[in-house]
C-alpha atoms as a PDB file:
ATOM      1  CA  MET A   1       0.065   0.062  -0.138  1.00  0.00           C
ATOM      2  CA  ILE A   2       1.338   3.300  -0.865  1.00  0.00           C
ATOM      3  CA  GLU A   3       0.855   6.240   1.780  1.00  0.00           C
ATOM      4  CA  THR A   4       0.501   9.569   0.489  1.00  0.00           C
ATOM      5  CA  ARG A   5       0.987  12.811   2.103  1.00  0.00           C
ATOM      6  CA  ARG A   6      -0.085  16.529   1.342  1.00  0.00           C
ATOM      7  CA  ILE A   7       2.702  18.490   0.942  1.00  0.00           C
ATOM      8  CA  HIS A   8       0.999  22.168   0.533  1.00  0.00           C
ATOM      9  CA  GLN A   9      -1.096  22.544   3.841  1.00  0.00           C
ATOM     10  CA  SER A  10      -3.561  25.590   2.976  1.00  0.00           C
ATOM     11  CA  ALA A  11      -3.459  28.151   5.874  1.00  0.00           C
ATOM     12  CA  PRO A  12      -6.195  28.532   8.399  1.00  0.00           C
ATOM     13  CA  LEU A  13      -9.263  30.781   7.378  1.00  0.00           C
ATOM     14  CA  GLY A  14      -8.328  33.711   9.576  1.00  0.00           C
ATOM     15  CA  GLN A  15      -4.826  33.994   8.729  1.00  0.00           C
ATOM     16  CA  LEU A  16      -3.712  36.814   6.497  1.00  0.00           C
ATOM     17  CA  ARG A  17      -2.076  36.046   3.391  1.00  0.00           C
ATOM     18  CA  VAL A  18      -0.182  37.825   0.458  1.00  0.00           C
ATOM     19  CA  TRP A  19      -3.067  38.842  -1.342  1.00  0.00           C
ATOM     20  CA  HIS A  20      -4.553  40.306   1.372  1.00  0.00           C
ATOM     21  CA  LEU A  21      -2.129  42.544   1.921  1.00  0.00           C
ATOM     22  CA  ALA A  22      -1.531  43.442  -1.922  1.00  0.00           C
ATOM     23  CA  LEU A  23      -5.338  44.196  -1.656  1.00  0.00           C
ATOM     24  CA  LEU A  24      -4.950  46.421   1.396  1.00  0.00           C
ATOM     25  CA  VAL A  25      -2.269  48.404  -0.421  1.00  0.00           C
ATOM     26  CA  LEU A  26      -4.465  48.689  -3.247  1.00  0.00           C
ATOM     27  CA  PHE A  27      -7.302  50.176  -1.368  1.00  0.00           C
ATOM     28  CA  VAL A  28      -4.917  52.623   0.441  1.00  0.00           C
ATOM     29  CA  ALA A  29      -3.477  53.707  -2.844  1.00  0.00           C
ATOM     30  CA  ILE A  30      -6.856  54.462  -4.219  1.00  0.00           C
ATOM     31  CA  ALA A  31      -8.108  56.129  -1.396  1.00  0.00           C
ATOM     32  CA  ILE A  32      -4.959  58.198  -1.317  1.00  0.00           C
ATOM     33  CA  ALA A  33      -5.521  59.101  -4.883  1.00  0.00           C
ATOM     34  CA  ASN A  34      -9.214  60.071  -4.398  1.00  0.00           C
ATOM     35  CA  ILE A  35      -8.057  62.312  -1.644  1.00  0.00           C
ATOM     36  CA  GLN A  36      -5.112  64.238  -3.751  1.00  0.00           C
ATOM     37  CA  ASP A  37      -7.884  64.774  -6.777  1.00  0.00           C
ATOM     38  CA  GLN A  38     -10.325  66.528  -4.694  1.00  0.00           C
ATOM     39  CA  ARG A  39      -8.743  69.551  -3.566  1.00  0.00           C
ATOM     40  CA  PRO A  40      -5.372  70.881  -1.432  1.00  0.00           C
ATOM     41  CA  PRO A  41      -5.922  68.330   1.662  1.00  0.00           C
ATOM     42  CA  THR A  42      -6.455  69.891   5.474  1.00  0.00           C
ATOM     43  CA  PRO A  43      -3.997  68.537   7.648  1.00  0.00           C
ATOM     44  CA  GLY A  44      -6.547  67.996  10.094  1.00  0.00           C
ATOM     45  CA  LEU A  45      -8.694  65.987   7.896  1.00  0.00           C
ATOM     46  CA  VAL A  46      -5.646  64.047   6.943  1.00  0.00           C
ATOM     47  CA  ALA A  47      -4.701  63.358  10.335  1.00  0.00           C
ATOM     48  CA  LEU A  48      -8.450  61.964  10.845  1.00  0.00           C
ATOM     49  CA  ALA A  49      -8.338  59.880   7.890  1.00  0.00           C
ATOM     50  CA  VAL A  50      -5.022  58.338   9.069  1.00  0.00           C
ATOM     51  CA  SER A  51      -5.719  57.343  12.630  1.00  0.00           C
ATOM     52  CA  GLY A  52      -9.489  56.456  11.264  1.00  0.00           C
ATOM     53  CA  PHE A  53      -7.855  53.688   9.207  1.00  0.00           C
ATOM     54  CA  LEU A  54      -5.555  52.615  12.446  1.00  0.00           C
ATOM     55  CA  LEU A  55      -8.159  52.516  14.505  1.00  0.00           C
ATOM     56  CA  TYR A  56     -10.191  50.513  11.810  1.00  0.00           C
ATOM     57  CA  GLY A  57      -7.529  47.922  11.739  1.00  0.00           C
ATOM     58  CA  PHE A  58      -6.920  47.538  15.054  1.00  0.00           C
ATOM     59  CA  LEU A  59     -10.767  47.048  15.978  1.00  0.00           C
ATOM     60  CA  GLY A  60     -10.675  44.647  12.980  1.00  0.00           C
ATOM     61  CA  TRP A  61      -8.167  42.811  14.664  1.00  0.00           C
ATOM     62  CA  ALA A  62      -9.769  42.768  18.139  1.00  0.00           C
ATOM     63  CA  GLY A  63     -13.088  42.473  17.119  1.00  0.00           C
ATOM     64  CA  TRP A  64     -12.063  39.250  15.224  1.00  0.00           C
ATOM     65  CA  ARG A  65     -10.138  37.641  18.019  1.00  0.00           C
ATOM     66  CA  PHE A  66     -13.223  38.294  20.227  1.00  0.00           C
ATOM     67  CA  ALA A  67     -15.804  37.001  17.780  1.00  0.00           C
ATOM     68  CA  ARG A  68     -13.922  33.665  17.760  1.00  0.00           C
ATOM     69  CA  ARG A  69     -14.949  32.643  21.125  1.00  0.00           C
ATOM     70  CA  PHE A  70     -18.763  32.176  19.886  1.00  0.00           C
ATOM     71  CA  GLU A  71     -17.157  29.975  17.044  1.00  0.00           C
ATOM     72  CA  ASP A  72     -18.156  26.761  18.538  1.00  0.00           C
ATOM     73  CA  ARG A  73     -21.827  28.275  19.186  1.00  0.00           C
ATOM     74  CA  ILE A  74     -22.763  29.540  15.927  1.00  0.00           C
ATOM     75  CA  GLY A  75     -21.032  28.000  13.427  1.00  0.00           C
ATOM     76  CA  SER A  76     -17.357  29.272  11.603  1.00  0.00           C
ATOM     77  CA  THR A  77     -19.938  30.489   8.267  1.00  0.00           C
ATOM     78  CA  LEU A  78     -22.512  32.476  10.342  1.00  0.00           C
ATOM     79  CA  LEU A  79     -19.827  33.793  12.490  1.00  0.00           C
ATOM     80  CA  LEU A  80     -17.548  35.075   9.338  1.00  0.00           C
ATOM     81  CA  VAL A  81     -20.695  36.837   7.835  1.00  0.00           C
ATOM     82  CA  LEU A  82     -22.024  38.387  11.281  1.00  0.00           C
ATOM     83  CA  TYR A  83     -18.614  39.832  11.452  1.00  0.00           C
ATOM     84  CA  LEU A  84     -18.285  41.387   8.086  1.00  0.00           C
ATOM     85  CA  ALA A  85     -21.433  42.532   8.294  1.00  0.00           C
ATOM     86  CA  ALA A  86     -20.387  44.523  11.761  1.00  0.00           C
ATOM     87  CA  MET A  87     -17.248  46.037  10.453  1.00  0.00           C
ATOM     88  CA  ALA A  88     -18.716  47.091   7.075  1.00  0.00           C
ATOM     89  CA  MET A  89     -21.218  48.996   9.278  1.00  0.00           C
ATOM     90  CA  LEU A  90     -18.771  50.420  11.386  1.00  0.00           C
ATOM     91  CA  PHE A  91     -16.953  51.563   8.305  1.00  0.00           C
ATOM     92  CA  LEU A  92     -20.082  52.940   6.694  1.00  0.00           C
ATOM     93  CA  VAL A  93     -20.799  55.079   9.978  1.00  0.00           C
ATOM     94  CA  ALA A  94     -17.131  56.160  10.057  1.00  0.00           C
ATOM     95  CA  THR A  95     -17.135  57.576   6.497  1.00  0.00           C
ATOM     96  CA  LEU A  96     -20.405  59.492   7.089  1.00  0.00           C
ATOM     97  CA  VAL A  97     -18.869  60.740   9.937  1.00  0.00           C
ATOM     98  CA  TYR A  98     -15.712  62.209   8.037  1.00  0.00           C
ATOM     99  CA  VAL A  99     -17.707  63.180   5.132  1.00  0.00           C
ATOM    100  CA  ALA A 100     -19.783  65.382   7.280  1.00  0.00           C
ATOM    101  CA  MET A 101     -17.069  66.462   9.373  1.00  0.00           C
ATOM    102  CA  GLU A 102     -15.270  67.788   5.879  1.00  0.00           C
ATOM    103  CA  VAL A 103     -18.331  69.193   4.791  1.00  0.00           C
ATOM    104  CA  TYR A 104     -18.224  71.267   7.966  1.00  0.00           C
ATOM    105  CA  ALA A 105     -14.717  72.138   7.634  1.00  0.00           C
ATOM    106  CA  THR A 106     -15.398  73.321   3.950  1.00  0.00           C
ATOM    107  CA  THR A 107     -18.091  75.527   4.281  1.00  0.00           C
ATOM    108  CA  ARG A 108     -17.510  77.552   7.384  1.00  0.00           C
END
Protein backbone atom coordinates (compact mmCIF):
# COMPACT_ATOMS: atom_id res chain seq x y z
CA MET A 1 0.00 0.00 0.00
CA ILE A 2 1.32 3.44 -0.92
CA GLU A 3 0.98 6.16 1.65
CA THR A 4 0.54 9.71 0.43
CA ARG A 5 1.00 12.91 2.33
CA ARG A 6 -0.14 16.35 1.47
CA ILE A 7 2.87 18.49 0.71
CA HIS A 8 1.08 21.83 0.64
CA GLN A 9 -1.23 22.54 3.51
CA SER A 10 -3.55 25.52 3.20
CA ALA A 11 -3.49 28.28 5.79
CA PRO A 12 -6.32 28.63 8.30
CA LEU A 13 -9.26 30.84 7.26
CA GLY A 14 -8.37 33.68 9.63
CA GLN A 15 -4.69 33.91 8.70
CA LEU A 16 -3.49 36.80 6.58
CA ARG A 17 -2.21 35.82 3.18
CA VAL A 18 -0.05 37.77 0.75
CA TRP A 19 -2.99 38.69 -1.47
CA HIS A 20 -4.81 40.20 1.53
CA LEU A 21 -1.91 42.58 2.05
CA ALA A 22 -1.74 43.37 -1.68
CA LEU A 23 -5.45 44.19 -1.67
CA LEU A 24 -4.99 46.41 1.38
CA VAL A 25 -2.19 48.31 -0.37
CA LEU A 26 -4.40 48.73 -3.44
CA PHE A 27 -7.31 50.13 -1.39
CA VAL A 28 -5.05 52.55 0.46
CA ALA A 29 -3.51 53.71 -2.83
CA ILE A 30 -6.97 54.33 -4.29
CA ALA A 31 -8.04 56.24 -1.17
CA ILE A 32 -4.91 58.40 -1.27
CA ALA A 33 -5.42 59.13 -4.98
CA ASN A 34 -9.05 60.11 -4.36
CA ILE A 35 -8.07 62.45 -1.54
CA GLN A 36 -5.32 64.08 -3.62
CA ASP A 37 -7.56 64.61 -6.66
CA GLN A 38 -10.21 66.58 -4.81
CA ARG A 39 -8.42 69.67 -3.48
CA PRO A 40 -5.47 70.69 -1.33
CA PRO A 41 -5.84 68.55 1.79
CA THR A 42 -6.54 70.01 5.18
CA PRO A 43 -3.92 68.63 7.59
CA GLY A 44 -6.54 67.99 10.26
CA LEU A 45 -8.72 65.93 7.92
CA VAL A 46 -5.74 63.95 6.65
CA ALA A 47 -4.69 63.17 10.23
CA LEU A 48 -8.27 62.17 11.03
CA ALA A 49 -8.43 59.84 8.00
CA VAL A 50 -5.08 58.21 8.81
CA SER A 51 -5.99 57.70 12.46
CA GLY A 52 -9.37 56.35 11.38
CA PHE A 53 -7.76 53.75 9.13
CA LEU A 54 -5.41 52.70 11.93
CA LEU A 55 -8.26 52.49 14.43
CA TYR A 56 -10.38 50.51 11.96
CA GLY A 57 -7.55 48.02 11.49
CA PHE A 58 -7.11 47.64 15.24
CA LEU A 59 -10.86 47.24 15.81
CA GLY A 60 -10.98 44.63 13.04
CA TRP A 61 -8.19 42.64 14.66
CA ALA A 62 -9.62 42.96 18.19
CA GLY A 63 -13.16 42.27 16.98
CA TRP A 64 -12.12 39.08 15.23
CA ARG A 65 -10.25 37.87 18.31
CA PHE A 66 -13.38 38.55 20.39
CA ALA A 67 -15.75 37.00 17.84
CA ARG A 68 -13.75 33.75 17.64
CA ARG A 69 -15.04 32.91 21.13
CA PHE A 70 -18.50 32.31 19.65
CA GLU A 71 -17.37 30.08 16.78
CA ASP A 72 -18.39 26.84 18.50
CA ARG A 73 -21.85 28.17 19.35
CA ILE A 74 -22.94 29.67 16.02
CA GLY A 75 -20.62 28.08 13.46
CA SER A 76 -17.74 29.52 11.50
CA THR A 77 -19.72 30.62 8.43
CA LEU A 78 -22.37 32.54 10.34
CA LEU A 79 -19.69 34.05 12.56
CA LEU A 80 -17.78 35.30 9.52
CA VAL A 81 -20.94 36.75 7.96
CA LEU A 82 -21.88 38.57 11.17
CA TYR A 83 -18.34 39.85 11.66
CA LEU A 84 -18.08 41.16 8.10
CA ALA A 85 -21.51 42.81 8.35
CA ALA A 86 -20.53 44.51 11.61
CA MET A 87 -17.24 45.74 10.15
CA ALA A 88 -19.04 47.04 7.05
CA MET A 89 -21.54 48.94 9.20
CA LEU A 90 -18.71 50.40 11.28
CA PHE A 91 -16.94 51.51 8.09
CA LEU A 92 -20.15 53.07 6.73
CA VAL A 93 -20.78 55.03 9.92
CA ALA A 94 -17.16 56.18 10.08
CA THR A 95 -17.30 57.29 6.44
CA LEU A 96 -20.50 59.26 7.01
CA VAL A 97 -19.02 60.96 10.07
CA TYR A 98 -15.86 61.83 8.12
CA VAL A 99 -17.83 63.25 5.19
CA ALA A 100 -19.98 65.31 7.55
CA MET A 101 -16.85 66.69 9.22
CA GLU A 102 -15.30 67.42 5.82
CA VAL A 103 -18.40 69.29 4.63
CA TYR A 104 -18.54 71.26 7.87
CA ALA A 105 -14.82 72.14 7.61
CA THR A 106 -15.10 73.32 4.00
CA THR A 107 -18.29 75.38 4.42
CA ARG A 108 -17.21 77.43 7.43
